Structure formats: structure tokens, C-alpha cells
Amino acid sequence: GLHWQVKIGDVTATFSLSDAIKEIVITTVDKLEA
């Protein structure tokens, strides 16, 4: 469940759910601390 691909025509876009979760946590914690 951590690695995702979206296939559109002849193109595949790849991203990591763990990277997305990391960014959400860091951004939210930074806002809470500020």
C-alpha cells in the first residue's frame, strides 16, 4: 500500500504514500509549533 502508480495512456506516474504521509506530518507539526 506504500507505492502507487497511475497509468494514463502510455505514461505511468509513480509516487510513495510514505513520502506523502511524511510531508503531511512535518507540515502539520510545523504549523502546530508555530
Full PDB file with SEQRES, HELIX, SHEET, SSBOND, CRYST1, ORIGX, SCALE, CONECT and MASTER records, all heavy atoms in Angstrom:
SEQRES   1 A   34  GLY LEU HIS TRP GLN VAL LYS ILE GLY ASP VAL THR ALA          
SEQRES   2 A   34  THR PHE SER LEU SER ASP ALA ILE LYS GLU ILE VAL ILE          
SEQRES   3 A   34  THR THR VAL ASP LYS LEU GLU ALA                              
HELIX    1 AA1 LEU A   17  GLU A   33  1                                  17    
SHEET    1 AA1 2 HIS A   3  ILE A   8  0                                        
SHEET    2 AA1 2 VAL A  11  SER A  16 -1                                        
CRYST1    1.000    1.000    1.000  90.00  90.00  90.00 P 1           1          
ORIGX1      1.000000  0.000000  0.000000        0.00000                         
ORIGX2      0.000000  1.000000  0.000000        0.00000                         
ORIGX3      0.000000  0.000000  1.000000        0.00000                         
SCALE1      1.000000  0.000000  0.000000        0.00000                         
SCALE2      0.000000  1.000000  0.000000        0.00000                         
SCALE3      0.000000  0.000000  1.000000        0.00000                         
ATOM      1  N   GLY A   1       0.795  -1.224   0.000  1.00  0.00           N  
ATOM      2  CA  GLY A   1       0.000   0.000   0.000  1.00  0.00           C  
ATOM      3  C   GLY A   1       0.826   1.271   0.000  1.00  0.00           C  
ATOM      4  O   GLY A   1       0.286   2.368   0.006  1.00  0.00           O  
ATOM      5  N   LEU A   2       2.149   1.149  -0.020  1.00  0.00           N  
ATOM      6  CA  LEU A   2       3.013   2.320   0.078  1.00  0.00           C  
ATOM      7  C   LEU A   2       3.443   2.893  -1.263  1.00  0.00           C  
ATOM      8  O   LEU A   2       3.756   4.071  -1.367  1.00  0.00           O  
ATOM      9  CB  LEU A   2       4.251   1.998   0.917  1.00  0.00           C  
ATOM     10  CG  LEU A   2       3.971   1.658   2.385  1.00  0.00           C  
ATOM     11  CD1 LEU A   2       5.273   1.287   3.086  1.00  0.00           C  
ATOM     12  CD2 LEU A   2       3.281   2.811   3.087  1.00  0.00           C  
ATOM     13  N   HIS A   3       3.488   2.060  -2.294  1.00  0.00           N  
ATOM     14  CA  HIS A   3       3.939   2.520  -3.604  1.00  0.00           C  
ATOM     15  C   HIS A   3       2.757   2.501  -4.569  1.00  0.00           C  
ATOM     16  O   HIS A   3       2.069   1.490  -4.701  1.00  0.00           O  
ATOM     17  CB  HIS A   3       5.076   1.634  -4.129  1.00  0.00           C  
ATOM     18  CG  HIS A   3       6.238   1.603  -3.202  1.00  0.00           C  
ATOM     19  ND1 HIS A   3       7.131   2.647  -3.103  1.00  0.00           N  
ATOM     20  CD2 HIS A   3       6.637   0.686  -2.300  1.00  0.00           C  
ATOM     21  CE1 HIS A   3       8.044   2.357  -2.192  1.00  0.00           C  
ATOM     22  NE2 HIS A   3       7.765   1.167  -1.685  1.00  0.00           N  
ATOM     23  N   TRP A   4       2.531   3.638  -5.225  1.00  0.00           N  
ATOM     24  CA  TRP A   4       1.374   3.809  -6.104  1.00  0.00           C  
ATOM     25  C   TRP A   4       1.823   4.154  -7.505  1.00  0.00           C  
ATOM     26  O   TRP A   4       2.864   4.788  -7.698  1.00  0.00           O  
ATOM     27  CB  TRP A   4       0.495   4.936  -5.578  1.00  0.00           C  
ATOM     28  CG  TRP A   4      -0.246   4.594  -4.328  1.00  0.00           C  
ATOM     29  CD1 TRP A   4       0.304   4.318  -3.107  1.00  0.00           C  
ATOM     30  CD2 TRP A   4      -1.646   4.499  -4.165  1.00  0.00           C  
ATOM     31  NE1 TRP A   4      -0.690   4.058  -2.201  1.00  0.00           N  
ATOM     32  CE2 TRP A   4      -1.901   4.173  -2.823  1.00  0.00           C  
ATOM     33  CE3 TRP A   4      -2.723   4.665  -5.035  1.00  0.00           C  
ATOM     34  CZ2 TRP A   4      -3.188   4.007  -2.336  1.00  0.00           C  
ATOM     35  CZ3 TRP A   4      -4.004   4.508  -4.538  1.00  0.00           C  
ATOM     36  CH2 TRP A   4      -4.223   4.172  -3.201  1.00  0.00           C  
ATOM     37  N   GLN A   5       1.020   3.746  -8.484  1.00  0.00           N  
ATOM     38  CA  GLN A   5       1.225   4.129  -9.871  1.00  0.00           C  
ATOM     39  C   GLN A   5      -0.123   4.528 -10.463  1.00  0.00           C  
ATOM     40  O   GLN A   5      -1.147   3.916 -10.160  1.00  0.00           O  
ATOM     41  CB  GLN A   5       1.795   2.970 -10.700  1.00  0.00           C  
ATOM     42  CG  GLN A   5       3.186   2.562 -10.322  1.00  0.00           C  
ATOM     43  CD  GLN A   5       3.699   1.408 -11.175  1.00  0.00           C  
ATOM     44  OE1 GLN A   5       2.948   0.740 -11.859  1.00  0.00           O  
ATOM     45  NE2 GLN A   5       5.009   1.187 -11.104  1.00  0.00           N  
ATOM     46  N   VAL A   6      -0.091   5.562 -11.276  1.00  0.00           N  
ATOM     47  CA  VAL A   6      -1.266   5.962 -12.036  1.00  0.00           C  
ATOM     48  C   VAL A   6      -0.873   5.897 -13.502  1.00  0.00           C  
ATOM     49  O   VAL A   6       0.059   6.572 -13.928  1.00  0.00           O  
ATOM     50  CB  VAL A   6      -1.744   7.384 -11.664  1.00  0.00           C  
ATOM     51  CG1 VAL A   6      -2.966   7.766 -12.480  1.00  0.00           C  
ATOM     52  CG2 VAL A   6      -2.034   7.479 -10.162  1.00  0.00           C  
ATOM     53  N   LYS A   7      -1.567   5.051 -14.241  1.00  0.00           N  
ATOM     54  CA  LYS A   7      -1.280   4.865 -15.662  1.00  0.00           C  
ATOM     55  C   LYS A   7      -2.290   5.661 -16.469  1.00  0.00           C  
ATOM     56  O   LYS A   7      -3.499   5.493 -16.307  1.00  0.00           O  
ATOM     57  CB  LYS A   7      -1.334   3.381 -16.021  1.00  0.00           C  
ATOM     58  CG  LYS A   7      -0.266   2.574 -15.294  1.00  0.00           C  
ATOM     59  CD  LYS A   7      -0.329   1.098 -15.654  1.00  0.00           C  
ATOM     60  CE  LYS A   7       0.709   0.311 -14.891  1.00  0.00           C  
ATOM     61  NZ  LYS A   7       2.077   0.596 -15.242  1.00  0.00           N  
ATOM     62  N   ILE A   8      -1.768   6.569 -17.307  1.00  0.00           N  
ATOM     63  CA  ILE A   8      -2.595   7.412 -18.162  1.00  0.00           C  
ATOM     64  C   ILE A   8      -2.039   7.289 -19.569  1.00  0.00           C  
ATOM     65  O   ILE A   8      -0.944   7.786 -19.849  1.00  0.00           O  
ATOM     66  CB  ILE A   8      -2.567   8.885 -17.703  1.00  0.00           C  
ATOM     67  CG1 ILE A   8      -2.928   8.989 -16.228  1.00  0.00           C  
ATOM     68  CG2 ILE A   8      -3.487   9.739 -18.565  1.00  0.00           C  
ATOM     69  CD1 ILE A   8      -2.610  10.334 -15.606  1.00  0.00           C  
ATOM     70  N   GLY A   9      -2.770   6.601 -20.434  1.00  0.00           N  
ATOM     71  CA  GLY A   9      -2.257   6.369 -21.780  1.00  0.00           C  
ATOM     72  C   GLY A   9      -0.960   5.587 -21.721  1.00  0.00           C  
ATOM     73  O   GLY A   9      -0.885   4.542 -21.082  1.00  0.00           O  
ATOM     74  N   ASP A  10       0.087   6.112 -22.347  1.00  0.00           N  
ATOM     75  CA  ASP A  10       1.393   5.456 -22.374  1.00  0.00           C  
ATOM     76  C   ASP A  10       2.322   5.912 -21.249  1.00  0.00           C  
ATOM     77  O   ASP A  10       3.507   5.600 -21.254  1.00  0.00           O  
ATOM     78  CB  ASP A  10       2.083   5.707 -23.719  1.00  0.00           C  
ATOM     79  CG  ASP A  10       1.340   5.040 -24.866  1.00  0.00           C  
ATOM     80  OD1 ASP A  10       0.669   4.021 -24.620  1.00  0.00           O  
ATOM     81  OD2 ASP A  10       1.423   5.541 -25.998  1.00  0.00           O  
ATOM     82  N   VAL A  11       1.790   6.678 -20.294  1.00  0.00           N  
ATOM     83  CA  VAL A  11       2.602   7.258 -19.224  1.00  0.00           C  
ATOM     84  C   VAL A  11       2.213   6.651 -17.879  1.00  0.00           C  
ATOM     85  O   VAL A  11       1.031   6.425 -17.607  1.00  0.00           O  
ATOM     86  CB  VAL A  11       2.410   8.791 -19.166  1.00  0.00           C  
ATOM     87  CG1 VAL A  11       3.150   9.394 -17.984  1.00  0.00           C  
ATOM     88  CG2 VAL A  11       2.858   9.431 -20.469  1.00  0.00           C  
ATOM     89  N   THR A  12       3.223   6.387 -17.050  1.00  0.00           N  
ATOM     90  CA  THR A  12       2.988   5.940 -15.677  1.00  0.00           C  
ATOM     91  C   THR A  12       3.587   6.956 -14.718  1.00  0.00           C  
ATOM     92  O   THR A  12       4.770   7.295 -14.826  1.00  0.00           O  
ATOM     93  CB  THR A  12       3.626   4.556 -15.423  1.00  0.00           C  
ATOM     94  OG1 THR A  12       3.016   3.594 -16.287  1.00  0.00           O  
ATOM     95  CG2 THR A  12       3.438   4.118 -13.986  1.00  0.00           C  
ATOM     96  N   ALA A  13       2.759   7.460 -13.815  1.00  0.00           N  
ATOM     97  CA  ALA A  13       3.213   8.367 -12.751  1.00  0.00           C  
ATOM     98  C   ALA A  13       3.326   7.548 -11.469  1.00  0.00           C  
ATOM     99  O   ALA A  13       2.403   6.805 -11.118  1.00  0.00           O  
ATOM    100  CB  ALA A  13       2.230   9.510 -12.577  1.00  0.00           C  
ATOM    101  N   THR A  14       4.447   7.665 -10.789  1.00  0.00           N  
ATOM    102  CA  THR A  14       4.723   6.872  -9.595  1.00  0.00           C  
ATOM    103  C   THR A  14       4.947   7.792  -8.406  1.00  0.00           C  
ATOM    104  O   THR A  14       5.615   8.819  -8.526  1.00  0.00           O  
ATOM    105  CB  THR A  14       5.987   6.008  -9.815  1.00  0.00           C  
ATOM    106  OG1 THR A  14       5.809   5.219 -10.988  1.00  0.00           O  
ATOM    107  CG2 THR A  14       6.268   5.113  -8.640  1.00  0.00           C  
ATOM    108  N   PHE A  15       4.383   7.407  -7.247  1.00  0.00           N  
ATOM    109  CA  PHE A  15       4.639   8.159  -6.013  1.00  0.00           C  
ATOM    110  C   PHE A  15       4.553   7.224  -4.818  1.00  0.00           C  
ATOM    111  O   PHE A  15       4.042   6.118  -4.912  1.00  0.00           O  
ATOM    112  CB  PHE A  15       3.681   9.348  -5.861  1.00  0.00           C  
ATOM    113  CG  PHE A  15       2.238   8.965  -5.674  1.00  0.00           C  
ATOM    114  CD1 PHE A  15       1.695   8.871  -4.413  1.00  0.00           C  
ATOM    115  CD2 PHE A  15       1.432   8.713  -6.772  1.00  0.00           C  
ATOM    116  CE1 PHE A  15       0.363   8.525  -4.243  1.00  0.00           C  
ATOM    117  CE2 PHE A  15       0.101   8.374  -6.622  1.00  0.00           C  
ATOM    118  CZ  PHE A  15      -0.438   8.274  -5.343  1.00  0.00           C  
ATOM    119  N   SER A  16       5.079   7.707  -3.704  1.00  0.00           N  
ATOM    120  CA  SER A  16       5.149   6.918  -2.478  1.00  0.00           C  
ATOM    121  C   SER A  16       4.186   7.491  -1.442  1.00  0.00           C  
ATOM    122  O   SER A  16       4.245   8.677  -1.124  1.00  0.00           O  
ATOM    123  CB  SER A  16       6.566   6.931  -1.926  1.00  0.00           C  
ATOM    124  OG  SER A  16       6.596   6.437  -0.615  1.00  0.00           O  
ATOM    125  N   LEU A  17       3.311   6.651  -0.922  1.00  0.00           N  
ATOM    126  CA  LEU A  17       2.397   7.086   0.127  1.00  0.00           C  
ATOM    127  C   LEU A  17       3.165   7.457   1.393  1.00  0.00           C  
ATOM    128  O   LEU A  17       2.803   8.393   2.097  1.00  0.00           O  
ATOM    129  CB  LEU A  17       1.361   6.003   0.415  1.00  0.00           C  
ATOM    130  CG  LEU A  17       0.277   6.371   1.424  1.00  0.00           C  
ATOM    131  CD1 LEU A  17      -0.509   7.589   0.962  1.00  0.00           C  
ATOM    132  CD2 LEU A  17      -0.641   5.195   1.654  1.00  0.00           C  
ATOM    133  N   SER A  18       4.249   6.745   1.682  1.00  0.00           N  
ATOM    134  CA  SER A  18       5.025   7.078   2.889  1.00  0.00           C  
ATOM    135  C   SER A  18       5.631   8.477   2.780  1.00  0.00           C  
ATOM    136  O   SER A  18       5.687   9.208   3.772  1.00  0.00           O  
ATOM    137  CB  SER A  18       6.107   6.032   3.153  1.00  0.00           C  
ATOM    138  OG  SER A  18       6.995   5.926   2.077  1.00  0.00           O  
ATOM    139  N   ASP A  19       6.043   8.897   1.564  1.00  0.00           N  
ATOM    140  CA  ASP A  19       6.539  10.266   1.378  1.00  0.00           C  
ATOM    141  C   ASP A  19       5.428  11.285   1.612  1.00  0.00           C  
ATOM    142  O   ASP A  19       5.654  12.333   2.211  1.00  0.00           O  
ATOM    143  CB  ASP A  19       7.117  10.466  -0.025  1.00  0.00           C  
ATOM    144  CG  ASP A  19       8.423   9.724  -0.242  1.00  0.00           C  
ATOM    145  OD1 ASP A  19       9.034   9.276   0.760  1.00  0.00           O  
ATOM    146  OD2 ASP A  19       8.830   9.598  -1.413  1.00  0.00           O  
ATOM    147  N   ALA A  20       4.220  10.981   1.130  1.00  0.00           N  
ATOM    148  CA  ALA A  20       3.087  11.890   1.320  1.00  0.00           C  
ATOM    149  C   ALA A  20       2.746  12.019   2.800  1.00  0.00           C  
ATOM    150  O   ALA A  20       2.530  13.132   3.301  1.00  0.00           O  
ATOM    151  CB  ALA A  20       1.878  11.396   0.534  1.00  0.00           C  
ATOM    152  N   ILE A  21       2.724  10.897   3.516  1.00  0.00           N  
ATOM    153  CA  ILE A  21       2.419  10.932   4.955  1.00  0.00           C  
ATOM    154  C   ILE A  21       3.483  11.730   5.697  1.00  0.00           C  
ATOM    155  O   ILE A  21       3.172  12.549   6.569  1.00  0.00           O  
ATOM    156  CB  ILE A  21       2.301   9.502   5.516  1.00  0.00           C  
ATOM    157  CG1 ILE A  21       1.055   8.830   4.942  1.00  0.00           C  
ATOM    158  CG2 ILE A  21       2.281   9.509   7.041  1.00  0.00           C  
ATOM    159  CD1 ILE A  21       0.964   7.347   5.220  1.00  0.00           C  
ATOM    160  N   LYS A  22       4.746  11.533   5.346  1.00  0.00           N  
ATOM    161  CA  LYS A  22       5.839  12.274   5.980  1.00  0.00           C  
ATOM    162  C   LYS A  22       5.643  13.779   5.797  1.00  0.00           C  
ATOM    163  O   LYS A  22       5.773  14.552   6.748  1.00  0.00           O  
ATOM    164  CB  LYS A  22       7.171  11.835   5.381  1.00  0.00           C  
ATOM    165  CG  LYS A  22       8.372  12.561   5.921  1.00  0.00           C  
ATOM    166  CD  LYS A  22       9.636  12.069   5.237  1.00  0.00           C  
ATOM    167  CE  LYS A  22      10.839  12.885   5.642  1.00  0.00           C  
ATOM    168  NZ  LYS A  22      12.050  12.466   4.918  1.00  0.00           N  
ATOM    169  N   GLU A  23       5.315  14.219   4.578  1.00  0.00           N  
ATOM    170  CA  GLU A  23       5.106  15.645   4.314  1.00  0.00           C  
ATOM    171  C   GLU A  23       3.920  16.194   5.100  1.00  0.00           C  
ATOM    172  O   GLU A  23       3.972  17.306   5.619  1.00  0.00           O  
ATOM    173  CB  GLU A  23       4.905  15.891   2.817  1.00  0.00           C  
ATOM    174  CG  GLU A  23       6.176  15.777   2.014  1.00  0.00           C  
ATOM    175  CD  GLU A  23       7.237  16.773   2.455  1.00  0.00           C  
ATOM    176  OE1 GLU A  23       6.927  17.965   2.625  1.00  0.00           O  
ATOM    177  OE2 GLU A  23       8.384  16.349   2.639  1.00  0.00           O  
ATOM    178  N   ILE A  24       2.846  15.418   5.196  1.00  0.00           N  
ATOM    179  CA  ILE A  24       1.673  15.851   5.956  1.00  0.00           C  
ATOM    180  C   ILE A  24       2.026  16.023   7.427  1.00  0.00           C  
ATOM    181  O   ILE A  24       1.679  17.025   8.053  1.00  0.00           O  
ATOM    182  CB  ILE A  24       0.511  14.858   5.783  1.00  0.00           C  
ATOM    183  CG1 ILE A  24      -0.007  14.916   4.341  1.00  0.00           C  
ATOM    184  CG2 ILE A  24      -0.606  15.131   6.784  1.00  0.00           C  
ATOM    185  CD1 ILE A  24      -0.921  13.772   3.964  1.00  0.00           C  
ATOM    186  N   VAL A  25       2.730  15.056   7.996  1.00  0.00           N  
ATOM    187  CA  VAL A  25       3.104  15.117   9.412  1.00  0.00           C  
ATOM    188  C   VAL A  25       4.029  16.305   9.670  1.00  0.00           C  
ATOM    189  O   VAL A  25       3.798  17.104  10.589  1.00  0.00           O  
ATOM    190  CB  VAL A  25       3.760  13.797   9.872  1.00  0.00           C  
ATOM    191  CG1 VAL A  25       4.381  13.943  11.255  1.00  0.00           C  
ATOM    192  CG2 VAL A  25       2.735  12.674   9.848  1.00  0.00           C  
ATOM    193  N   ILE A  26       5.072  16.454   8.872  1.00  0.00           N  
ATOM    194  CA  ILE A  26       6.027  17.552   9.075  1.00  0.00           C  
ATOM    195  C   ILE A  26       5.333  18.902   8.954  1.00  0.00           C  
ATOM    196  O   ILE A  26       5.518  19.791   9.797  1.00  0.00           O  
ATOM    197  CB  ILE A  26       7.197  17.439   8.078  1.00  0.00           C  
ATOM    198  CG1 ILE A  26       8.080  16.243   8.440  1.00  0.00           C  
ATOM    199  CG2 ILE A  26       8.018  18.732   8.032  1.00  0.00           C  
ATOM    200  CD1 ILE A  26       9.114  15.900   7.382  1.00  0.00           C  
ATOM    201  N   THR A  27       4.513  19.082   7.923  1.00  0.00           N  
ATOM    202  CA  THR A  27       3.831  20.357   7.714  1.00  0.00           C  
ATOM    203  C   THR A  27       2.874  20.665   8.855  1.00  0.00           C  
ATOM    204  O   THR A  27       2.823  21.793   9.352  1.00  0.00           O  
ATOM    205  CB  THR A  27       3.071  20.329   6.366  1.00  0.00           C  
ATOM    206  OG1 THR A  27       4.010  20.064   5.324  1.00  0.00           O  
ATOM    207  CG2 THR A  27       2.375  21.644   6.103  1.00  0.00           C  
ATOM    208  N   THR A  28       2.112  19.665   9.309  1.00  0.00           N  
ATOM    209  CA  THR A  28       1.150  19.882  10.393  1.00  0.00           C  
ATOM    210  C   THR A  28       1.859  20.181  11.706  1.00  0.00           C  
ATOM    211  O   THR A  28       1.469  21.107  12.437  1.00  0.00           O  
ATOM    212  CB  THR A  28       0.224  18.665  10.533  1.00  0.00           C  
ATOM    213  OG1 THR A  28      -0.442  18.444   9.285  1.00  0.00           O  
ATOM    214  CG2 THR A  28      -0.808  18.889  11.623  1.00  0.00           C  
ATOM    215  N   VAL A  29       2.915  19.437  12.034  1.00  0.00           N  
ATOM    216  CA  VAL A  29       3.671  19.679  13.270  1.00  0.00           C  
ATOM    217  C   VAL A  29       4.287  21.076  13.247  1.00  0.00           C  
ATOM    218  O   VAL A  29       4.227  21.801  14.235  1.00  0.00           O  
ATOM    219  CB  VAL A  29       4.731  18.588  13.508  1.00  0.00           C  
ATOM    220  CG1 VAL A  29       5.705  18.984  14.590  1.00  0.00           C  
ATOM    221  CG2 VAL A  29       4.053  17.264  13.827  1.00  0.00           C  
ATOM    222  N   ASP A  30       4.854  21.468  12.108  1.00  0.00           N  
ATOM    223  CA  ASP A  30       5.432  22.806  11.999  1.00  0.00           C  
ATOM    224  C   ASP A  30       4.380  23.874  12.267  1.00  0.00           C  
ATOM    225  O   ASP A  30       4.650  24.880  12.941  1.00  0.00           O  
ATOM    226  CB  ASP A  30       6.077  23.023  10.623  1.00  0.00           C  
ATOM    227  CG  ASP A  30       7.366  22.240  10.446  1.00  0.00           C  
ATOM    228  OD1 ASP A  30       7.892  21.698  11.455  1.00  0.00           O  
ATOM    229  OD2 ASP A  30       7.857  22.179   9.297  1.00  0.00           O  
ATOM    230  N   LYS A  31       3.169  23.699  11.748  1.00  0.00           N  
ATOM    231  CA  LYS A  31       2.090  24.665  11.960  1.00  0.00           C  
ATOM    232  C   LYS A  31       1.657  24.688  13.417  1.00  0.00           C  
ATOM    233  O   LYS A  31       1.390  25.741  13.982  1.00  0.00           O  
ATOM    234  CB  LYS A  31       0.903  24.359  11.053  1.00  0.00           C  
ATOM    235  CG  LYS A  31       1.180  24.691   9.595  1.00  0.00           C  
ATOM    236  CD  LYS A  31       0.053  24.290   8.700  1.00  0.00           C  
ATOM    237  CE  LYS A  31      -1.088  25.288   8.846  1.00  0.00           C  
ATOM    238  NZ  LYS A  31      -2.171  25.002   7.889  1.00  0.00           N  
ATOM    239  N   LEU A  32       1.584  23.510  14.048  1.00  0.00           N  
ATOM    240  CA  LEU A  32       1.185  23.436  15.463  1.00  0.00           C  
ATOM    241  C   LEU A  32       2.224  24.115  16.355  1.00  0.00           C  
ATOM    242  O   LEU A  32       1.877  24.819  17.307  1.00  0.00           O  
ATOM    243  CB  LEU A  32       0.990  21.989  15.892  1.00  0.00           C  
ATOM    244  CG  LEU A  32      -0.241  21.286  15.321  1.00  0.00           C  
ATOM    245  CD1 LEU A  32      -0.181  19.784  15.642  1.00  0.00           C  
ATOM    246  CD2 LEU A  32      -1.514  21.900  15.867  1.00  0.00           C  
ATOM    247  N   GLU A  33       3.494  23.907  16.041  1.00  0.00           N  
ATOM    248  CA  GLU A  33       4.564  24.518  16.839  1.00  0.00           C  
ATOM    249  C   GLU A  33       4.624  26.015  16.643  1.00  0.00           C  
ATOM    250  O   GLU A  33       5.042  26.750  17.531  1.00  0.00           O  
ATOM    251  CB  GLU A  33       5.896  23.860  16.522  1.00  0.00           C  
ATOM    252  CG  GLU A  33       5.996  22.448  17.038  1.00  0.00           C  
ATOM    253  CD  GLU A  33       7.290  21.759  16.709  1.00  0.00           C  
ATOM    254  OE1 GLU A  33       8.094  22.291  15.894  1.00  0.00           O  
ATOM    255  OE2 GLU A  33       7.542  20.664  17.263  1.00  0.00           O  
ATOM    256  N   ALA A  34       4.213  26.498  15.466  1.00  0.00           N  
ATOM    257  CA  ALA A  34       4.236  27.939  15.196  1.00  0.00           C  
ATOM    258  C   ALA A  34       3.031  28.663  15.810  1.00  0.00           C  
ATOM    259  O   ALA A  34       3.054  29.888  15.950  1.00  0.00           O  
ATOM    260  CB  ALA A  34       4.260  28.174  13.689  1.00  0.00           C  
TER     261      ALA A  34                                                      
MASTER        0    0    0    1    2    0    0    6  260    1    0    3          
END                                                                             
